Amino acid sequence: MFTQEVRNGFDMAGRSAACELPAARAGCRGFVCVYPPRLRKDLPRVDHPDSVEMRLWHVRRFEIPEGIVHQHFGEEQLIASEFVELDTLEAVENLLANWGIDSGMSRAPWRTDYPL
């Protein structure tokens, strides 16, 4: 379960949370990052109390060669990259649990070694 600090970051600052994972491949490092919902710009805004705007959580898991973690790199250099959209925080926590990831280990990306 995400810590209260991380939950507050999601709710109050729209801040993502990340953690490092054991990599399945030698010479690589693994990471996961959870991005809280943001207003979808591709949907028209409807100012009506009954309107429902799709807000999705995004989860990104990938591995990257150790030598380029602190360098600028492109999408094509990510290994085993997965991107999942979910509609609730509970679904995010379930996904992470299914992947064997303890969501309680997540922190703000700059407090980890997550490649920004």
N, C-alpha and C. Protein backbone atom coordinates (compact mmCIF):
# COMPACT_ATOMS: atom_id res chain seq x y z
N MET A 1 0.84 -1.18 0.00
CA MET A 1 0.00 0.00 0.00
C MET A 1 0.89 1.25 0.00
N PHE A 2 0.52 2.22 -0.83
CA PHE A 2 1.30 3.45 -0.89
C PHE A 2 1.31 4.13 0.48
N THR A 3 2.43 4.78 0.80
CA THR A 3 2.52 5.50 2.06
C THR A 3 1.63 6.74 2.00
N GLN A 4 1.33 7.30 3.15
CA GLN A 4 0.51 8.51 3.21
C GLN A 4 1.21 9.67 2.50
N GLU A 5 2.52 9.73 2.61
CA GLU A 5 3.29 10.79 1.93
C GLU A 5 3.09 10.71 0.42
N VAL A 6 3.17 9.49 -0.13
CA VAL A 6 2.99 9.31 -1.58
C VAL A 6 1.56 9.61 -1.97
N ARG A 7 0.59 9.14 -1.19
CA ARG A 7 -0.82 9.43 -1.48
C ARG A 7 -1.09 10.94 -1.48
N ASN A 8 -0.51 11.64 -0.52
CA ASN A 8 -0.66 13.10 -0.47
C ASN A 8 -0.06 13.74 -1.72
N GLY A 9 1.08 13.24 -2.16
CA GLY A 9 1.70 13.75 -3.38
C GLY A 9 0.80 13.55 -4.59
N PHE A 10 0.16 12.38 -4.67
CA PHE A 10 -0.79 12.13 -5.75
C PHE A 10 -1.93 13.13 -5.70
N ASP A 11 -2.54 13.24 -4.51
CA ASP A 11 -3.76 14.03 -4.35
C ASP A 11 -3.54 15.54 -4.42
N MET A 12 -2.51 16.03 -3.73
CA MET A 12 -2.36 17.47 -3.59
C MET A 12 -1.45 18.11 -4.63
N ALA A 13 -0.50 17.34 -5.14
CA ALA A 13 0.47 17.93 -6.08
C ALA A 13 0.43 17.29 -7.46
N GLY A 14 -0.36 16.23 -7.61
CA GLY A 14 -0.37 15.53 -8.89
C GLY A 14 0.98 14.92 -9.21
N ARG A 15 1.74 14.59 -8.16
CA ARG A 15 3.11 14.11 -8.29
C ARG A 15 3.14 12.60 -8.54
N SER A 16 4.05 12.16 -9.37
CA SER A 16 4.22 10.74 -9.63
C SER A 16 5.04 10.10 -8.51
N ALA A 17 5.11 8.76 -8.52
CA ALA A 17 5.90 8.02 -7.55
C ALA A 17 6.62 6.89 -8.28
N ALA A 18 7.86 6.61 -7.87
CA ALA A 18 8.67 5.62 -8.57
C ALA A 18 9.46 4.78 -7.59
N CYS A 19 9.92 3.64 -8.07
CA CYS A 19 10.86 2.84 -7.29
C CYS A 19 11.69 1.98 -8.24
N GLU A 20 12.84 1.56 -7.74
CA GLU A 20 13.70 0.68 -8.53
C GLU A 20 13.34 -0.76 -8.22
N LEU A 21 13.42 -1.60 -9.25
CA LEU A 21 13.09 -3.02 -9.14
C LEU A 21 14.31 -3.85 -9.50
N PRO A 22 14.35 -5.08 -9.03
CA PRO A 22 15.41 -5.96 -9.51
C PRO A 22 15.22 -6.20 -11.02
N ALA A 23 16.27 -6.07 -11.77
CA ALA A 23 16.19 -6.27 -13.22
C ALA A 23 16.27 -7.76 -13.52
N ALA A 24 15.54 -8.19 -14.54
CA ALA A 24 15.57 -9.59 -14.96
C ALA A 24 16.78 -9.89 -15.83
N ARG A 25 17.38 -8.84 -16.39
CA ARG A 25 18.51 -9.01 -17.30
C ARG A 25 19.80 -8.48 -16.66
N ALA A 26 20.88 -9.21 -16.89
CA ALA A 26 22.18 -8.77 -16.39
C ALA A 26 22.57 -7.46 -17.07
N GLY A 27 23.18 -6.57 -16.30
CA GLY A 27 23.63 -5.29 -16.85
C GLY A 27 22.54 -4.26 -17.01
N CYS A 28 21.37 -4.53 -16.47
CA CYS A 28 20.24 -3.59 -16.57
C CYS A 28 19.74 -3.22 -15.18
N ARG A 29 18.97 -2.16 -15.13
CA ARG A 29 18.27 -1.75 -13.92
C ARG A 29 16.80 -1.62 -14.26
N GLY A 30 15.95 -2.00 -13.32
CA GLY A 30 14.51 -1.96 -13.54
C GLY A 30 13.85 -0.86 -12.72
N PHE A 31 12.79 -0.28 -13.28
CA PHE A 31 12.07 0.80 -12.62
C PHE A 31 10.58 0.69 -12.89
N VAL A 32 9.80 1.26 -11.99
CA VAL A 32 8.36 1.42 -12.22
C VAL A 32 8.01 2.82 -11.74
N CYS A 33 7.09 3.47 -12.45
CA CYS A 33 6.63 4.80 -12.06
C CYS A 33 5.11 4.85 -12.22
N VAL A 34 4.45 5.45 -11.23
CA VAL A 34 3.00 5.62 -11.24
C VAL A 34 2.70 7.10 -11.39
N TYR A 35 1.88 7.42 -12.39
CA TYR A 35 1.50 8.80 -12.67
C TYR A 35 0.02 8.97 -12.33
N PRO A 36 -0.33 9.90 -11.46
CA PRO A 36 -1.74 10.08 -11.09
C PRO A 36 -2.56 10.65 -12.24
N PRO A 37 -3.87 10.56 -12.15
CA PRO A 37 -4.73 11.07 -13.23
C PRO A 37 -4.53 12.56 -13.46
N ARG A 38 -4.62 12.92 -14.71
CA ARG A 38 -4.61 14.32 -15.11
C ARG A 38 -5.75 14.50 -16.09
N LEU A 39 -6.21 15.71 -16.19
CA LEU A 39 -7.29 15.99 -17.12
C LEU A 39 -6.84 15.64 -18.53
N ARG A 40 -7.62 14.84 -19.21
CA ARG A 40 -7.28 14.45 -20.59
C ARG A 40 -7.54 15.63 -21.52
N LYS A 41 -6.52 16.11 -22.15
CA LYS A 41 -6.64 17.26 -23.05
C LYS A 41 -7.32 16.90 -24.36
N ASP A 42 -7.37 15.61 -24.68
CA ASP A 42 -7.97 15.22 -25.95
C ASP A 42 -9.50 15.08 -25.85
N LEU A 43 -10.05 15.29 -24.66
CA LEU A 43 -11.50 15.24 -24.49
C LEU A 43 -12.03 16.65 -24.33
N PRO A 44 -13.15 16.96 -24.93
CA PRO A 44 -13.72 18.30 -24.75
C PRO A 44 -14.14 18.51 -23.31
N ARG A 45 -13.89 19.68 -22.80
CA ARG A 45 -14.28 20.00 -21.42
C ARG A 45 -15.75 20.37 -21.41
N VAL A 46 -16.50 19.74 -20.52
CA VAL A 46 -17.93 20.00 -20.39
C VAL A 46 -18.17 20.52 -18.98
N ASP A 47 -18.56 21.76 -18.86
CA ASP A 47 -18.81 22.35 -17.54
C ASP A 47 -20.25 22.08 -17.14
N HIS A 48 -20.47 20.87 -16.70
CA HIS A 48 -21.81 20.46 -16.28
C HIS A 48 -21.63 19.49 -15.12
N PRO A 49 -22.44 19.63 -14.05
CA PRO A 49 -22.24 18.79 -12.87
C PRO A 49 -22.35 17.29 -13.13
N ASP A 50 -23.06 16.90 -14.18
CA ASP A 50 -23.23 15.48 -14.47
C ASP A 50 -22.19 14.94 -15.45
N SER A 51 -21.27 15.79 -15.90
CA SER A 51 -20.28 15.32 -16.87
C SER A 51 -19.22 14.46 -16.18
N VAL A 52 -18.77 13.48 -16.89
CA VAL A 52 -17.71 12.61 -16.39
C VAL A 52 -16.54 12.72 -17.37
N GLU A 53 -15.42 13.15 -16.87
CA GLU A 53 -14.22 13.24 -17.70
C GLU A 53 -13.30 12.10 -17.32
N MET A 54 -12.80 11.41 -18.31
CA MET A 54 -11.96 10.25 -18.07
C MET A 54 -10.63 10.69 -17.46
N ARG A 55 -10.34 10.17 -16.31
CA ARG A 55 -9.08 10.44 -15.64
C ARG A 55 -8.45 9.09 -15.33
N LEU A 56 -7.30 8.84 -15.90
CA LEU A 56 -6.67 7.53 -15.77
C LEU A 56 -5.33 7.62 -15.06
N TRP A 57 -5.02 6.58 -14.31
CA TRP A 57 -3.71 6.40 -13.72
C TRP A 57 -2.84 5.74 -14.78
N HIS A 58 -1.58 6.13 -14.85
CA HIS A 58 -0.64 5.52 -15.79
C HIS A 58 0.48 4.86 -14.99
N VAL A 59 0.81 3.65 -15.39
CA VAL A 59 1.89 2.91 -14.74
C VAL A 59 2.89 2.50 -15.83
N ARG A 60 4.14 2.80 -15.58
CA ARG A 60 5.21 2.50 -16.55
C ARG A 60 6.24 1.63 -15.86
N ARG A 61 6.53 0.48 -16.45
CA ARG A 61 7.58 -0.42 -15.94
C ARG A 61 8.54 -0.70 -17.09
N PHE A 62 9.84 -0.65 -16.79
CA PHE A 62 10.84 -0.90 -17.83
C PHE A 62 12.18 -1.24 -17.21
N GLU A 63 13.05 -1.76 -18.06
CA GLU A 63 14.45 -1.95 -17.72
C GLU A 63 15.27 -1.11 -18.68
N ILE A 64 16.45 -0.75 -18.24
CA ILE A 64 17.34 0.07 -19.06
C ILE A 64 18.79 -0.35 -18.77
N PRO A 65 19.65 -0.35 -19.77
CA PRO A 65 21.05 -0.68 -19.50
C PRO A 65 21.65 0.25 -18.44
N GLU A 66 22.41 -0.34 -17.51
CA GLU A 66 22.99 0.43 -16.41
C GLU A 66 23.77 1.66 -16.87
N GLY A 67 24.49 1.53 -17.96
CA GLY A 67 25.38 2.60 -18.42
C GLY A 67 24.68 3.86 -18.89
N ILE A 68 23.39 3.80 -19.14
CA ILE A 68 22.72 5.01 -19.65
C ILE A 68 21.64 5.55 -18.71
N VAL A 69 21.56 5.02 -17.49
CA VAL A 69 20.54 5.49 -16.54
C VAL A 69 20.62 6.99 -16.31
N HIS A 70 21.82 7.53 -16.22
CA HIS A 70 21.98 8.96 -15.92
C HIS A 70 22.29 9.78 -17.17
N GLN A 71 21.95 9.24 -18.33
CA GLN A 71 22.16 9.95 -19.59
C GLN A 71 20.81 10.18 -20.25
N HIS A 72 20.81 11.01 -21.26
CA HIS A 72 19.60 11.19 -22.06
C HIS A 72 19.46 9.96 -22.94
N PHE A 73 18.28 9.37 -22.94
CA PHE A 73 18.06 8.17 -23.76
C PHE A 73 16.68 8.24 -24.38
N GLY A 74 16.48 7.41 -25.36
CA GLY A 74 15.21 7.40 -26.09
C GLY A 74 14.38 6.17 -25.77
N GLU A 75 13.14 6.24 -26.18
CA GLU A 75 12.18 5.15 -25.98
C GLU A 75 12.73 3.82 -26.51
N GLU A 76 13.45 3.87 -27.62
CA GLU A 76 13.96 2.65 -28.24
C GLU A 76 15.01 1.94 -27.40
N GLN A 77 15.56 2.61 -26.38
CA GLN A 77 16.56 2.00 -25.53
C GLN A 77 15.96 1.32 -24.30
N LEU A 78 14.67 1.49 -24.08
CA LEU A 78 14.01 0.82 -22.98
C LEU A 78 13.83 -0.65 -23.32
N ILE A 79 14.02 -1.49 -22.32
CA ILE A 79 13.89 -2.93 -22.49
C ILE A 79 12.68 -3.40 -21.69
N ALA A 80 11.91 -4.29 -22.25
CA ALA A 80 10.74 -4.86 -21.56
C ALA A 80 9.83 -3.75 -21.03
N SER A 81 9.59 -2.76 -21.84
CA SER A 81 8.78 -1.61 -21.43
C SER A 81 7.29 -1.96 -21.45
N GLU A 82 6.61 -1.64 -20.38
CA GLU A 82 5.16 -1.84 -20.29
C GLU A 82 4.52 -0.53 -19.83
N PHE A 83 3.39 -0.19 -20.42
CA PHE A 83 2.64 1.01 -20.07
C PHE A 83 1.18 0.59 -19.92
N VAL A 84 0.61 0.86 -18.73
CA VAL A 84 -0.75 0.43 -18.43
C VAL A 84 -1.56 1.63 -17.94
N GLU A 85 -2.79 1.74 -18.42
CA GLU A 85 -3.72 2.77 -17.94
C GLU A 85 -4.79 2.09 -17.09
N LEU A 86 -5.04 2.67 -15.92
CA LEU A 86 -6.03 2.12 -14.99
C LEU A 86 -6.92 3.23 -14.47
N ASP A 87 -8.11 2.85 -14.00
CA ASP A 87 -9.06 3.89 -13.60
C ASP A 87 -9.12 4.18 -12.10
N THR A 88 -8.49 3.36 -11.26
CA THR A 88 -8.52 3.63 -9.81
C THR A 88 -7.15 3.37 -9.18
N LEU A 89 -6.92 3.98 -8.04
CA LEU A 89 -5.70 3.74 -7.28
C LEU A 89 -5.67 2.29 -6.80
N GLU A 90 -6.81 1.76 -6.44
CA GLU A 90 -6.89 0.36 -6.02
C GLU A 90 -6.43 -0.57 -7.15
N ALA A 91 -6.83 -0.27 -8.38
CA ALA A 91 -6.40 -1.07 -9.53
C ALA A 91 -4.89 -0.97 -9.73
N VAL A 92 -4.32 0.21 -9.49
CA VAL A 92 -2.87 0.40 -9.58
C VAL A 92 -2.17 -0.48 -8.55
N GLU A 93 -2.65 -0.43 -7.31
CA GLU A 93 -2.03 -1.22 -6.25
C GLU A 93 -2.15 -2.71 -6.55
N ASN A 94 -3.28 -3.14 -7.11
CA ASN A 94 -3.45 -4.55 -7.48
C ASN A 94 -2.47 -4.95 -8.58
N LEU A 95 -2.30 -4.08 -9.59
CA LEU A 95 -1.36 -4.36 -10.67
C LEU A 95 0.06 -4.51 -10.12
N LEU A 96 0.47 -3.56 -9.28
CA LEU A 96 1.81 -3.63 -8.70
C LEU A 96 1.98 -4.91 -7.89
N ALA A 97 0.98 -5.28 -7.12
CA ALA A 97 1.03 -6.51 -6.33
C ALA A 97 1.15 -7.73 -7.25
N ASN A 98 0.40 -7.73 -8.35
CA ASN A 98 0.48 -8.84 -9.31
C ASN A 98 1.87 -8.93 -9.94
N TRP A 99 2.53 -7.79 -10.10
CA TRP A 99 3.90 -7.77 -10.62
C TRP A 99 4.93 -8.08 -9.53
N GLY A 100 4.48 -8.28 -8.29
CA GLY A 100 5.39 -8.56 -7.18
C GLY A 100 6.10 -7.32 -6.65
N ILE A 101 5.47 -6.16 -6.83
CA ILE A 101 6.07 -4.88 -6.41
C ILE A 101 5.34 -4.36 -5.18
N ASP A 102 6.09 -4.02 -4.15
CA ASP A 102 5.53 -3.43 -2.93
C ASP A 102 5.34 -1.93 -3.17
N SER A 103 4.10 -1.48 -3.31
CA SER A 103 3.84 -0.06 -3.57
C SER A 103 4.34 0.83 -2.44
N GLY A 104 4.50 0.28 -1.26
CA GLY A 104 5.02 1.05 -0.13
C GLY A 104 6.46 1.49 -0.31
N MET A 105 7.16 0.90 -1.29
CA MET A 105 8.55 1.28 -1.55
C MET A 105 8.64 2.49 -2.49
N SER A 106 7.53 2.93 -3.04
CA SER A 106 7.52 4.06 -3.99
C SER A 106 7.77 5.38 -3.29
N ARG A 107 8.50 6.24 -3.96
CA ARG A 107 8.80 7.59 -3.47
C ARG A 107 8.71 8.55 -4.65
N ALA A 108 8.80 9.84 -4.36
CA ALA A 108 8.88 10.83 -5.43
C ALA A 108 10.09 10.46 -6.30
N PRO A 109 9.96 10.54 -7.62
CA PRO A 109 11.05 10.09 -8.50
C PRO A 109 12.41 10.70 -8.19
N TRP A 110 12.47 11.96 -7.80
CA TRP A 110 13.77 12.59 -7.52
C TRP A 110 14.37 12.09 -6.21
N ARG A 111 13.60 11.35 -5.40
CA ARG A 111 14.13 10.77 -4.17
C ARG A 111 14.62 9.35 -4.41
N THR A 112 14.52 8.89 -5.64
CA THR A 112 15.01 7.57 -6.03
C THR A 112 16.05 7.78 -7.12
N ASP A 113 16.50 6.71 -7.70
CA ASP A 113 17.47 6.82 -8.80
C ASP A 113 16.74 6.73 -10.14
N TYR A 114 15.43 7.01 -10.14
CA TYR A 114 14.61 6.92 -11.35
C TYR A 114 15.15 7.88 -12.40
N PRO A 115 15.37 7.40 -13.61
CA PRO A 115 15.89 8.30 -14.66
C PRO A 115 14.87 9.33 -15.07
N LEU A 116 15.13 10.58 -14.75
CA LEU A 116 14.17 11.64 -15.04
C LEU A 116 14.33 12.19 -16.44
